[in-house]
Amino acid sequence: MDLTFHHLIPRKVHRRARFKKNFTRESLNQGVYLCRAWHSGIHKRYDEMTLATHYASWDAISSDPDLQRHFAWVAKQRLTKQARA
Protein backbone atom coordinates (compact mmCIF):
# COMPACT_ATOMS: atom_id res chain seq x y z
CA MET A 1 0.00 0.00 0.00
CA ASP A 2 1.30 3.45 -0.84
CA LEU A 3 1.95 5.74 2.11
CA THR A 4 1.67 9.51 2.29
CA PHE A 5 3.72 11.90 4.44
CA HIS A 6 1.76 13.77 7.12
CA HIS A 7 3.49 16.85 8.52
CA LEU A 8 2.83 16.95 12.27
CA ILE A 9 2.71 20.74 11.96
CA PRO A 10 0.87 21.35 8.67
CA ARG A 11 2.85 23.17 5.99
CA LYS A 12 0.09 25.74 5.62
CA VAL A 13 1.00 27.28 9.02
CA HIS A 14 4.81 27.13 8.67
CA ARG A 15 4.98 30.70 7.39
CA ARG A 16 3.08 32.18 10.34
CA ALA A 17 5.24 34.22 12.72
CA ARG A 18 4.26 32.13 15.76
CA PHE A 19 5.60 28.95 14.18
CA LYS A 20 8.67 30.55 12.57
CA LYS A 21 9.65 31.99 15.95
CA ASN A 22 9.06 28.91 18.10
CA PHE A 23 10.13 26.02 15.86
CA THR A 24 13.22 25.13 13.88
CA ARG A 25 12.93 24.19 10.22
CA GLU A 26 13.68 20.58 11.16
CA SER A 27 10.90 20.42 13.74
CA LEU A 28 8.42 22.00 11.31
CA ASN A 29 9.23 19.32 8.75
CA GLN A 30 8.78 16.35 11.08
CA GLY A 31 6.06 13.93 10.19
CA VAL A 32 4.85 10.38 9.86
CA TYR A 33 3.98 8.15 6.92
CA LEU A 34 0.34 7.08 6.83
CA CYS A 35 -1.96 5.30 4.45
CA ARG A 36 -4.17 7.65 2.41
CA ALA A 37 -7.33 6.73 4.37
CA TRP A 38 -5.77 7.59 7.73
CA HIS A 39 -4.24 10.78 6.36
CA SER A 40 -7.52 11.94 4.82
CA GLY A 41 -9.41 11.11 8.02
CA ILE A 42 -7.11 13.29 10.11
CA HIS A 43 -7.56 16.27 7.78
CA LYS A 44 -11.33 15.80 7.50
CA ARG A 45 -11.71 15.97 11.27
CA TYR A 46 -9.37 18.86 12.14
CA ASP A 47 -8.29 22.07 10.42
CA GLU A 48 -4.62 22.96 10.02
CA MET A 49 -4.42 25.31 13.02
CA THR A 50 -5.99 22.72 15.34
CA LEU A 51 -3.58 20.08 14.06
CA ALA A 52 -0.62 22.44 14.56
CA THR A 53 -1.56 23.47 18.10
CA HIS A 54 -3.15 20.33 19.57
CA TYR A 55 -2.02 17.39 17.42
CA ALA A 56 1.63 18.16 16.63
CA SER A 57 2.88 14.75 17.78
CA TRP A 58 2.06 11.16 16.92
CA ASP A 59 1.15 10.54 20.58
CA ALA A 60 -1.49 13.29 20.46
CA ILE A 61 -2.92 12.02 17.17
CA SER A 62 -3.01 8.38 18.21
CA SER A 63 -4.59 9.12 21.60
CA ASP A 64 -7.52 11.11 20.17
CA PRO A 65 -10.72 9.00 20.64
CA ASP A 66 -12.34 10.17 17.39
CA LEU A 67 -9.23 9.36 15.37
CA GLN A 68 -8.87 6.01 17.15
CA ARG A 69 -12.39 5.09 15.98
CA HIS A 70 -11.53 6.18 12.45
CA PHE A 71 -8.27 4.19 12.42
CA ALA A 72 -10.09 1.10 13.72
CA TRP A 73 -12.73 1.49 11.00
CA VAL A 74 -10.07 1.84 8.28
CA ALA A 75 -8.29 -1.26 9.57
CA LYS A 76 -11.47 -3.31 8.95
CA GLN A 77 -11.87 -2.18 5.34
CA ARG A 78 -10.85 -4.33 2.40
CA LEU A 79 -8.03 -3.07 0.26
CA THR A 80 -9.06 -1.90 -3.17
CA LYS A 81 -7.06 -2.73 -6.28
CA GLN A 82 -5.81 0.86 -6.35
CA ALA A 83 -4.66 0.76 -2.71
CA ARG A 84 -2.75 -2.50 -3.27
CA ALA A 85 -0.78 -1.10 -6.23
C-alpha atoms as a PDB file:
ATOM      1  CA  MET A   1       0.000   0.000   0.000  1.00  0.00           C
ATOM      2  CA  ASP A   2       1.303   3.447  -0.838  1.00  0.00           C
ATOM      3  CA  LEU A   3       1.952   5.736   2.112  1.00  0.00           C
ATOM      4  CA  THR A   4       1.675   9.511   2.290  1.00  0.00           C
ATOM      5  CA  PHE A   5       3.717  11.896   4.439  1.00  0.00           C
ATOM      6  CA  HIS A   6       1.762  13.770   7.115  1.00  0.00           C
ATOM      7  CA  HIS A   7       3.491  16.848   8.522  1.00  0.00           C
ATOM      8  CA  LEU A   8       2.834  16.949  12.269  1.00  0.00           C
ATOM      9  CA  ILE A   9       2.707  20.740  11.956  1.00  0.00           C
ATOM     10  CA  PRO A  10       0.873  21.348   8.671  1.00  0.00           C
ATOM     11  CA  ARG A  11       2.848  23.165   5.992  1.00  0.00           C
ATOM     12  CA  LYS A  12       0.086  25.736   5.623  1.00  0.00           C
ATOM     13  CA  VAL A  13       1.002  27.279   9.017  1.00  0.00           C
ATOM     14  CA  HIS A  14       4.810  27.127   8.670  1.00  0.00           C
ATOM     15  CA  ARG A  15       4.980  30.704   7.390  1.00  0.00           C
ATOM     16  CA  ARG A  16       3.081  32.182  10.338  1.00  0.00           C
ATOM     17  CA  ALA A  17       5.240  34.218  12.722  1.00  0.00           C
ATOM     18  CA  ARG A  18       4.264  32.128  15.765  1.00  0.00           C
ATOM     19  CA  PHE A  19       5.600  28.952  14.183  1.00  0.00           C
ATOM     20  CA  LYS A  20       8.675  30.549  12.570  1.00  0.00           C
ATOM     21  CA  LYS A  21       9.649  31.990  15.947  1.00  0.00           C
ATOM     22  CA  ASN A  22       9.055  28.907  18.100  1.00  0.00           C
ATOM     23  CA  PHE A  23      10.134  26.025  15.860  1.00  0.00           C
ATOM     24  CA  THR A  24      13.219  25.132  13.884  1.00  0.00           C
ATOM     25  CA  ARG A  25      12.933  24.186  10.224  1.00  0.00           C
ATOM     26  CA  GLU A  26      13.680  20.580  11.156  1.00  0.00           C
ATOM     27  CA  SER A  27      10.901  20.418  13.737  1.00  0.00           C
ATOM     28  CA  LEU A  28       8.424  22.002  11.309  1.00  0.00           C
ATOM     29  CA  ASN A  29       9.226  19.318   8.752  1.00  0.00           C
ATOM     30  CA  GLN A  30       8.783  16.346  11.078  1.00  0.00           C
ATOM     31  CA  GLY A  31       6.061  13.933  10.188  1.00  0.00           C
ATOM     32  CA  VAL A  32       4.849  10.381   9.861  1.00  0.00           C
ATOM     33  CA  TYR A  33       3.980   8.151   6.925  1.00  0.00           C
ATOM     34  CA  LEU A  34       0.340   7.083   6.832  1.00  0.00           C
ATOM     35  CA  CYS A  35      -1.965   5.302   4.448  1.00  0.00           C
ATOM     36  CA  ARG A  36      -4.170   7.647   2.413  1.00  0.00           C
ATOM     37  CA  ALA A  37      -7.329   6.732   4.367  1.00  0.00           C
ATOM     38  CA  TRP A  38      -5.766   7.591   7.729  1.00  0.00           C
ATOM     39  CA  HIS A  39      -4.237  10.785   6.355  1.00  0.00           C
ATOM     40  CA  SER A  40      -7.520  11.937   4.821  1.00  0.00           C
ATOM     41  CA  GLY A  41      -9.407  11.107   8.018  1.00  0.00           C
ATOM     42  CA  ILE A  42      -7.112  13.294  10.105  1.00  0.00           C
ATOM     43  CA  HIS A  43      -7.559  16.268   7.780  1.00  0.00           C
ATOM     44  CA  LYS A  44     -11.329  15.804   7.505  1.00  0.00           C
ATOM     45  CA  ARG A  45     -11.705  15.969  11.269  1.00  0.00           C
ATOM     46  CA  TYR A  46      -9.369  18.862  12.136  1.00  0.00           C
ATOM     47  CA  ASP A  47      -8.289  22.066  10.423  1.00  0.00           C
ATOM     48  CA  GLU A  48      -4.620  22.960  10.025  1.00  0.00           C
ATOM     49  CA  MET A  49      -4.416  25.307  13.023  1.00  0.00           C
ATOM     50  CA  THR A  50      -5.988  22.718  15.336  1.00  0.00           C
ATOM     51  CA  LEU A  51      -3.579  20.079  14.058  1.00  0.00           C
ATOM     52  CA  ALA A  52      -0.619  22.438  14.563  1.00  0.00           C
ATOM     53  CA  THR A  53      -1.559  23.469  18.097  1.00  0.00           C
ATOM     54  CA  HIS A  54      -3.151  20.328  19.568  1.00  0.00           C
ATOM     55  CA  TYR A  55      -2.020  17.391  17.419  1.00  0.00           C
ATOM     56  CA  ALA A  56       1.629  18.156  16.633  1.00  0.00           C
ATOM     57  CA  SER A  57       2.878  14.748  17.777  1.00  0.00           C
ATOM     58  CA  TRP A  58       2.058  11.157  16.925  1.00  0.00           C
ATOM     59  CA  ASP A  59       1.148  10.543  20.579  1.00  0.00           C
ATOM     60  CA  ALA A  60      -1.486  13.288  20.458  1.00  0.00           C
ATOM     61  CA  ILE A  61      -2.924  12.018  17.167  1.00  0.00           C
ATOM     62  CA  SER A  62      -3.014   8.383  18.207  1.00  0.00           C
ATOM     63  CA  SER A  63      -4.589   9.123  21.599  1.00  0.00           C
ATOM     64  CA  ASP A  64      -7.525  11.111  20.173  1.00  0.00           C
ATOM     65  CA  PRO A  65     -10.716   8.998  20.636  1.00  0.00           C
ATOM     66  CA  ASP A  66     -12.340  10.169  17.389  1.00  0.00           C
ATOM     67  CA  LEU A  67      -9.234   9.363  15.368  1.00  0.00           C
ATOM     68  CA  GLN A  68      -8.866   6.006  17.148  1.00  0.00           C
ATOM     69  CA  ARG A  69     -12.387   5.093  15.980  1.00  0.00           C
ATOM     70  CA  HIS A  70     -11.529   6.182  12.445  1.00  0.00           C
ATOM     71  CA  PHE A  71      -8.266   4.193  12.422  1.00  0.00           C
ATOM     72  CA  ALA A  72     -10.092   1.101  13.724  1.00  0.00           C
ATOM     73  CA  TRP A  73     -12.729   1.491  11.001  1.00  0.00           C
ATOM     74  CA  VAL A  74     -10.067   1.844   8.280  1.00  0.00           C
ATOM     75  CA  ALA A  75      -8.285  -1.263   9.568  1.00  0.00           C
ATOM     76  CA  LYS A  76     -11.466  -3.314   8.949  1.00  0.00           C
ATOM     77  CA  GLN A  77     -11.874  -2.176   5.335  1.00  0.00           C
ATOM     78  CA  ARG A  78     -10.852  -4.326   2.402  1.00  0.00           C
ATOM     79  CA  LEU A  79      -8.028  -3.073   0.256  1.00  0.00           C
ATOM     80  CA  THR A  80      -9.059  -1.904  -3.170  1.00  0.00           C
ATOM     81  CA  LYS A  81      -7.055  -2.732  -6.275  1.00  0.00           C
ATOM     82  CA  GLN A  82      -5.813   0.865  -6.353  1.00  0.00           C
ATOM     83  CA  ALA A  83      -4.659   0.759  -2.713  1.00  0.00           C
ATOM     84  CA  ARG A  84      -2.747  -2.496  -3.275  1.00  0.00           C
ATOM     85  CA  ALA A  85      -0.779  -1.098  -6.231  1.00  0.00           C
END
